[in-house]
Amino acid sequence: MIRVTTNGMLRNYKSSLMNSTKHLNDAFTTVLTGRKFNAYAEDPAAATQAFRLRRSLSSTAKQMDNNDAVVKKFSTAWDIIGDIKNDIVEEMGRIPALEGSSETNLSVLPELGKVLISGAESIVQDMNAQYGDNFIFGGADTLNVPFTWSKDGKLLYRGMAVDEIKQEDYDDLDDSLYVDIGLGFQENTVSGELISSSAYDSALNGLDFLGYGTDDDGLPNNVVSIMKRLGEIFQGYDLDSGTWTVGSQEEAEALVGKLEDASDNMIEEWTKLDADTTYLNTNLNRLNTTKYNLNEQIVNVEDVDLADAIMELVWAQQSYNAALQAGTSIIPQTLMDYLN
């Protein structure tokens, strides 16, 4: 036969009451926070999974920011090249050049030459445009002005004369500016170098749009030098004697053809830029979907079903109240209870 003492019963009751109180407090906290756990020790497996999901969500958010920044940069570049192509190369380049090729317009050649030179200078100004604090068309060097004029009037790109750039020089200037947009972003375990296919190259080389170097006849390939040289030839035409004091009519005709080629190259690069922007927008949509799915997983791991949580709180409250009522018959009355 087991003897149940009053002190033993009181100890058991106090222990049960504390458990009931803790259960009520936990249920109340769960309803307030809406979380299944508030400390790693409460559910190590779920907490570990939640950490990994939140780390992935943070990476995705950063990738979205990077992608959005590149999209806006490329969109700005697309608008700039479109304006140069339509408003400058066409209106201030091809049209004056073709008009100057006609013998009926020899009397206005000097004026057409001014238009061409002004157009060339306008292109340089537009190609030095910035997005935020960074120059758009400077390749990986976004902090310094990409296009400048030398003292003798030559066009320079990052300090190098554009007309003198050879293929090997271009390769040195065609640098990359890689960003993480959710393509893996991983380094080679052996060399430690970034795997280019796992990142996106956000650099825009202005030479790709304007051209560089010269052809076999020594004529420039870039649209700015073509327009400037053609303008100088037109301006050098002597109306009184009908002679070409700068260059020749043959050079002017050859430059008109070169201007057509340079314009076509700009259109081709402009189209590629549009395709790149479309790809980036598609990638941004993919990242948005990834973010949504990660958020949904986090909710499933961390958040409770509110209806179940409230039901658990009601049961905990009832258990606590029942424990208090049971205590009135277990806890012995004191002298003060009799006096009352």
Protein backbone atom coordinates (compact mmCIF):
# COMPACT_ATOMS: atom_id res chain seq x y z
CA MET A 1 0.00 0.00 0.00
CA ILE A 2 1.38 3.40 -1.05
CA ARG A 3 1.06 6.20 1.45
CA VAL A 4 0.22 9.55 -0.18
CA THR A 5 1.40 12.43 1.95
CA THR A 6 0.13 15.99 1.81
CA ASN A 7 3.58 17.36 0.94
CA GLY A 8 3.97 14.84 -1.86
CA MET A 9 0.58 15.75 -3.28
CA LEU A 10 1.44 19.45 -3.09
CA ARG A 11 4.73 18.88 -4.89
CA ASN A 12 3.00 16.94 -7.66
CA TYR A 13 0.34 19.59 -7.94
CA LYS A 14 2.86 22.42 -8.15
CA SER A 15 4.78 20.55 -10.85
CA SER A 16 1.62 19.91 -12.86
CA LEU A 17 0.52 23.53 -12.43
CA MET A 18 3.88 24.79 -13.70
CA ASN A 19 3.63 22.50 -16.74
CA SER A 20 0.13 23.76 -17.40
CA THR A 21 1.30 27.35 -17.04
CA LYS A 22 4.20 26.75 -19.42
CA HIS A 23 1.89 25.07 -21.91
CA LEU A 24 -0.47 28.05 -21.73
CA ASN A 25 2.40 30.52 -22.15
CA ASP A 26 3.81 28.58 -25.14
CA ALA A 27 0.40 28.42 -26.79
CA PHE A 28 -0.12 32.13 -26.19
CA THR A 29 3.32 32.95 -27.67
CA THR A 30 2.60 30.75 -30.71
CA VAL A 31 -0.63 32.62 -31.42
CA LEU A 32 1.07 36.02 -31.00
CA THR A 33 4.10 35.24 -33.21
CA GLY A 34 2.45 32.83 -35.64
CA ARG A 35 5.65 30.76 -35.63
CA LYS A 36 6.14 27.07 -34.98
CA PHE A 37 9.40 27.74 -33.12
CA ASN A 38 11.23 30.77 -31.78
CA ALA A 39 14.57 29.18 -30.92
CA TYR A 40 16.87 26.71 -32.64
CA ALA A 41 16.60 24.24 -29.73
CA GLU A 42 12.81 24.02 -30.10
CA ASP A 43 13.07 22.31 -33.52
CA PRO A 44 16.66 21.91 -34.80
CA ALA A 45 15.67 20.21 -38.07
CA ALA A 46 13.09 22.83 -39.02
CA ALA A 47 15.37 25.67 -37.89
CA THR A 48 18.21 24.37 -40.07
CA GLN A 49 15.91 24.06 -43.05
CA ALA A 50 14.54 27.57 -42.43
CA PHE A 51 18.08 28.98 -42.29
CA ARG A 52 18.95 27.43 -45.63
CA LEU A 53 15.75 28.70 -47.20
CA ARG A 54 16.26 32.21 -45.88
CA ARG A 55 19.87 32.22 -47.08
CA SER A 56 18.64 31.23 -50.54
CA LEU A 57 15.97 33.91 -50.37
CA SER A 58 18.56 36.54 -49.46
CA SER A 59 20.77 35.45 -52.38
CA THR A 60 17.80 35.56 -54.75
CA ALA A 61 16.88 39.06 -53.58
CA LYS A 62 20.46 40.23 -54.25
CA GLN A 63 20.43 38.57 -57.66
CA MET A 64 17.18 40.35 -58.46
CA ASP A 65 18.73 43.68 -57.50
CA ASN A 66 21.73 42.95 -59.74
CA ASN A 67 19.52 41.85 -62.61
CA ASP A 68 17.30 44.91 -62.25
CA ALA A 69 20.32 47.23 -62.25
CA VAL A 70 21.72 45.64 -65.43
CA VAL A 71 18.30 45.75 -67.13
CA LYS A 72 17.98 49.46 -66.41
CA LYS A 73 21.54 50.10 -67.56
CA PHE A 74 20.97 48.16 -70.81
CA SER A 75 17.60 49.83 -71.37
CA THR A 76 19.23 53.24 -70.98
CA ALA A 77 21.99 52.20 -73.39
CA TRP A 78 19.37 50.93 -75.85
CA ASP A 79 17.60 54.29 -75.78
CA ILE A 80 20.90 56.17 -76.25
CA ILE A 81 22.02 54.06 -79.21
CA GLY A 82 18.54 54.33 -80.72
CA ASP A 83 18.70 58.12 -80.49
CA ILE A 84 22.21 58.19 -81.95
CA LYS A 85 21.19 55.86 -84.77
CA ASN A 86 18.02 57.76 -85.70
CA ASP A 87 18.67 61.38 -84.77
CA ILE A 88 22.42 61.74 -85.34
CA VAL A 89 23.82 59.06 -87.65
CA GLU A 90 20.76 59.28 -89.90
CA GLU A 91 19.77 62.95 -89.74
CA MET A 92 23.24 64.44 -89.21
CA GLY A 93 25.28 61.76 -90.94
CA ARG A 94 23.83 59.71 -93.77
CA ILE A 95 21.46 62.34 -95.11
CA PRO A 96 24.05 65.17 -95.31
CA ALA A 97 26.60 62.68 -96.67
CA LEU A 98 24.29 61.52 -99.44
CA GLU A 99 23.28 65.09 -100.24
CA GLY A 100 26.94 66.08 -100.46
CA SER A 101 27.58 63.23 -102.89
CA SER A 102 25.33 64.87 -105.45
CA GLU A 103 26.97 67.41 -107.76
CA THR A 104 23.84 69.56 -107.55
CA ASN A 105 24.63 70.27 -103.87
CA LEU A 106 28.25 71.38 -104.26
CA SER A 107 27.31 74.91 -103.28
CA VAL A 108 26.17 73.82 -99.83
CA LEU A 109 29.02 71.41 -99.10
CA PRO A 110 30.59 73.61 -96.37
CA GLU A 111 27.28 73.77 -94.52
CA LEU A 112 26.79 70.02 -94.86
CA GLY A 113 30.32 69.56 -93.51
CA LYS A 114 29.45 71.59 -90.40
CA VAL A 115 26.43 69.35 -89.83
CA LEU A 116 28.57 66.21 -90.12
CA ILE A 117 31.22 67.49 -87.68
CA SER A 118 28.56 68.64 -85.24
CA GLY A 119 26.95 65.20 -85.48
CA ALA A 120 30.26 63.47 -84.74
CA GLU A 121 30.77 65.61 -81.64
CA SER A 122 27.19 64.92 -80.50
CA ILE A 123 27.75 61.16 -80.76
CA VAL A 124 30.79 61.40 -78.47
CA GLN A 125 28.80 63.36 -75.91
CA ASP A 126 25.97 60.81 -75.95
CA MET A 127 28.38 57.87 -75.70
CA ASN A 128 29.77 59.42 -72.50
CA ALA A 129 26.36 59.17 -70.84
CA GLN A 130 26.13 57.88 -67.28
CA TYR A 131 23.74 55.61 -65.43
CA GLY A 132 23.90 56.79 -61.85
CA ASP A 133 27.56 57.55 -61.17
CA ASN A 134 28.89 55.07 -63.74
CA PHE A 135 29.70 55.58 -67.41
CA ILE A 136 27.63 53.19 -69.49
CA PHE A 137 29.91 52.53 -72.47
CA GLY A 138 33.29 52.34 -70.73
CA GLY A 139 33.43 48.54 -70.51
CA ALA A 140 34.65 47.46 -67.09
CA ASP A 141 35.99 50.97 -66.41
CA THR A 142 32.80 52.72 -65.35
CA LEU A 143 34.42 55.54 -63.36
CA ASN A 144 36.31 57.38 -66.12
CA VAL A 145 35.03 59.11 -69.26
CA PRO A 146 35.34 56.54 -72.07
CA PHE A 147 35.51 58.82 -75.15
CA THR A 148 37.68 61.93 -75.38
CA TRP A 149 39.39 64.04 -78.04
CA SER A 150 43.16 64.34 -78.30
CA LYS A 151 44.84 67.69 -78.80
CA ASP A 152 45.20 66.98 -82.53
CA GLY A 153 41.49 66.10 -82.86
CA LYS A 154 41.68 62.29 -82.76
CA LEU A 155 38.96 60.28 -81.08
CA LEU A 156 40.24 58.37 -78.03
CA TYR A 157 38.68 55.46 -76.19
CA ARG A 158 40.06 55.03 -72.69
CA GLY A 159 43.18 56.88 -73.79
CA MET A 160 43.81 54.96 -77.05
CA ALA A 161 43.31 56.46 -80.51
CA VAL A 162 40.26 54.65 -81.89
CA ASP A 163 41.53 54.65 -85.48
CA GLU A 164 44.82 53.05 -84.38
CA ILE A 165 43.27 50.21 -82.38
CA LYS A 166 44.20 46.77 -83.71
CA GLN A 167 42.46 43.49 -82.88
CA GLU A 168 44.88 42.69 -80.05
CA ASP A 169 44.33 46.18 -78.61
CA TYR A 170 40.59 45.66 -78.79
CA ASP A 171 40.92 42.35 -76.95
CA ASP A 172 42.66 44.17 -74.09
CA LEU A 173 39.92 46.81 -73.97
CA ASP A 174 37.09 44.31 -74.32
CA ASP A 175 37.09 43.55 -70.60
CA SER A 176 34.23 42.11 -68.56
CA LEU A 177 32.17 43.25 -65.60
CA TYR A 178 30.55 40.11 -64.18
CA VAL A 179 27.53 40.18 -61.88
CA ASP A 180 25.53 37.45 -60.16
CA ILE A 181 22.03 37.16 -61.60
CA GLY A 182 21.29 33.60 -60.53
CA LEU A 183 23.30 31.63 -63.11
CA GLY A 184 25.40 29.75 -60.56
CA PHE A 185 28.22 32.24 -59.92
CA GLN A 186 31.02 29.79 -59.20
CA GLU A 187 34.80 29.90 -59.29
CA ASN A 188 37.07 27.29 -60.81
CA THR A 189 38.33 25.12 -57.96
CA VAL A 190 41.76 24.78 -59.62
CA SER A 191 42.56 28.27 -60.93
CA GLY A 192 40.30 30.23 -58.59
CA GLU A 193 38.99 32.25 -61.53
CA LEU A 194 35.33 32.94 -62.02
CA ILE A 195 33.55 30.59 -64.43
CA SER A 196 32.25 33.08 -67.00
CA SER A 197 29.20 31.00 -67.86
CA SER A 198 28.04 31.18 -64.24
CA ALA A 199 27.82 34.99 -64.25
CA TYR A 200 26.55 37.72 -66.56
CA ASP A 201 28.84 40.20 -68.27
CA SER A 202 27.29 43.64 -67.76
CA ALA A 203 30.09 45.59 -69.46
CA LEU A 204 29.20 47.60 -72.56
CA ASN A 205 32.14 48.45 -74.82
CA GLY A 206 31.50 51.62 -76.79
CA LEU A 207 33.76 50.38 -79.60
CA ASP A 208 31.26 47.64 -80.40
CA PHE A 209 28.71 50.28 -81.38
CA LEU A 210 30.95 52.88 -83.04
CA GLY A 211 33.64 50.66 -84.59
CA TYR A 212 37.43 50.94 -84.44
CA GLY A 213 40.59 50.72 -86.51
CA THR A 214 40.99 51.35 -90.25
CA ASP A 215 40.50 49.34 -93.42
CA ASP A 216 43.15 48.33 -95.96
CA ASP A 217 42.89 51.75 -97.60
CA GLY A 218 43.51 53.55 -94.34
CA LEU A 219 39.93 54.78 -93.99
CA PRO A 220 38.45 54.77 -90.48
CA ASN A 221 35.88 52.17 -89.48
CA ASN A 222 34.29 54.09 -86.61
CA VAL A 223 31.30 56.26 -87.36
CA VAL A 224 32.59 59.32 -85.47
CA SER A 225 35.87 59.51 -87.38
CA ILE A 226 34.05 58.88 -90.66
CA MET A 227 31.59 61.73 -90.09
CA LYS A 228 34.31 64.08 -88.83
CA ARG A 229 36.64 63.37 -91.74
CA LEU A 230 33.82 63.65 -94.26
CA GLY A 231 32.77 66.94 -92.72
CA GLU A 232 36.32 68.26 -92.99
CA ILE A 233 36.45 67.27 -96.67
CA PHE A 234 33.11 68.96 -97.35
CA GLN A 235 34.16 72.10 -95.50
CA GLY A 236 37.41 72.21 -97.45
CA TYR A 237 35.65 72.40 -100.80
CA ASP A 238 36.49 75.71 -102.50
CA LEU A 239 33.31 77.11 -104.01
CA ASP A 240 35.13 79.70 -106.09
CA SER A 241 37.61 77.36 -107.77
CA GLY A 242 35.53 74.18 -107.49
CA THR A 243 38.45 72.24 -106.05
CA TRP A 244 38.85 69.92 -103.07
CA THR A 245 41.43 71.46 -100.75
CA VAL A 246 41.06 68.74 -98.09
CA GLY A 247 41.08 65.14 -99.26
CA SER A 248 39.39 64.38 -102.56
CA GLN A 249 36.03 63.60 -104.06
CA GLU A 250 37.04 59.95 -104.30
CA GLU A 251 37.84 59.83 -100.58
CA ALA A 252 34.52 61.50 -99.81
CA GLU A 253 32.62 58.93 -101.86
CA ALA A 254 34.50 56.10 -100.16
CA LEU A 255 33.68 57.58 -96.73
CA VAL A 256 29.98 57.74 -97.65
CA GLY A 257 30.09 54.00 -98.26
CA LYS A 258 31.97 53.49 -94.99
CA LEU A 259 29.31 55.50 -93.19
CA GLU A 260 26.66 53.12 -94.52
CA ASP A 261 28.64 50.14 -93.18
CA ALA A 262 29.18 51.79 -89.79
CA SER A 263 25.48 52.60 -89.56
CA ASP A 264 24.58 48.98 -90.35
CA ASN A 265 27.01 47.78 -87.66
CA MET A 266 25.42 50.10 -85.11
CA ILE A 267 21.97 48.76 -85.99
CA GLU A 268 23.24 45.18 -85.59
CA GLU A 269 24.74 45.90 -82.14
CA TRP A 270 21.60 47.81 -81.15
CA THR A 271 19.52 44.75 -82.04
CA LYS A 272 21.82 42.52 -79.95
CA LEU A 273 21.40 44.91 -77.02
CA ASP A 274 17.64 44.62 -77.37
CA ALA A 275 17.93 40.82 -77.29
CA ASP A 276 20.12 41.02 -74.17
CA THR A 277 17.55 43.23 -72.45
CA THR A 278 14.78 40.78 -73.33
CA TYR A 279 16.81 37.92 -71.86
CA LEU A 280 17.43 39.86 -68.65
CA ASN A 281 13.72 40.61 -68.28
CA THR A 282 12.97 36.92 -68.74
CA ASN A 283 15.59 36.05 -66.12
CA LEU A 284 14.06 38.59 -63.74
CA ASN A 285 10.70 36.87 -64.09
CA ARG A 286 12.39 33.55 -63.27
CA LEU A 287 13.97 35.05 -60.16
CA ASN A 288 10.58 36.41 -59.11
CA THR A 289 9.13 32.91 -59.39
CA THR A 290 12.03 31.51 -57.35
CA LYS A 291 11.49 34.16 -54.68
CA TYR A 292 7.78 33.33 -54.49
CA ASN A 293 8.47 29.60 -54.14
CA LEU A 294 11.10 30.18 -51.44
CA ASN A 295 8.71 32.38 -49.49
CA GLU A 296 6.06 29.70 -49.72
CA GLN A 297 8.48 27.07 -48.39
CA ILE A 298 9.52 29.34 -45.52
CA VAL A 299 5.89 29.85 -44.57
CA ASN A 300 5.33 26.09 -44.55
CA VAL A 301 8.39 25.50 -42.35
CA GLU A 302 8.08 28.41 -39.91
CA ASP A 303 4.46 29.52 -39.72
CA VAL A 304 1.67 27.74 -37.86
CA ASP A 305 -1.90 27.16 -38.90
CA LEU A 306 -3.60 29.98 -37.01
CA ALA A 307 -6.84 28.05 -36.46
CA ASP A 308 -4.95 25.12 -34.92
CA ALA A 309 -2.87 27.50 -32.79
CA ILE A 310 -5.96 29.25 -31.43
CA MET A 311 -7.60 25.89 -30.70
CA GLU A 312 -4.45 24.80 -28.82
CA LEU A 313 -4.54 28.05 -26.82
CA VAL A 314 -8.17 27.46 -25.84
CA TRP A 315 -7.37 23.96 -24.63
CA ALA A 316 -4.32 25.23 -22.73
CA GLN A 317 -6.45 27.92 -21.06
CA GLN A 318 -9.07 25.38 -20.04
CA SER A 319 -6.39 23.03 -18.66
CA TYR A 320 -4.86 25.86 -16.67
CA ASN A 321 -8.23 26.93 -15.26
CA ALA A 322 -9.02 23.33 -14.30
CA ALA A 323 -5.67 23.07 -12.55
CA LEU A 324 -6.42 26.18 -10.55
CA GLN A 325 -9.83 24.85 -9.52
CA ALA A 326 -8.33 21.51 -8.49
CA GLY A 327 -5.86 23.38 -6.34
CA THR A 328 -8.58 24.76 -4.09
CA SER A 329 -9.36 21.25 -2.84
CA ILE A 330 -5.75 20.14 -2.56
CA ILE A 331 -3.98 23.07 -0.96
CA PRO A 332 -4.72 23.09 2.82
CA GLN A 333 -6.38 26.11 4.32
CA THR A 334 -4.40 28.36 6.62
CA LEU A 335 -5.45 30.05 9.88
CA MET A 336 -6.23 33.22 7.91
CA ASP A 337 -8.73 31.27 5.78
CA TYR A 338 -10.60 30.25 9.00
CA LEU A 339 -10.51 33.83 10.32
CA ASN A 340 -12.07 35.05 7.06
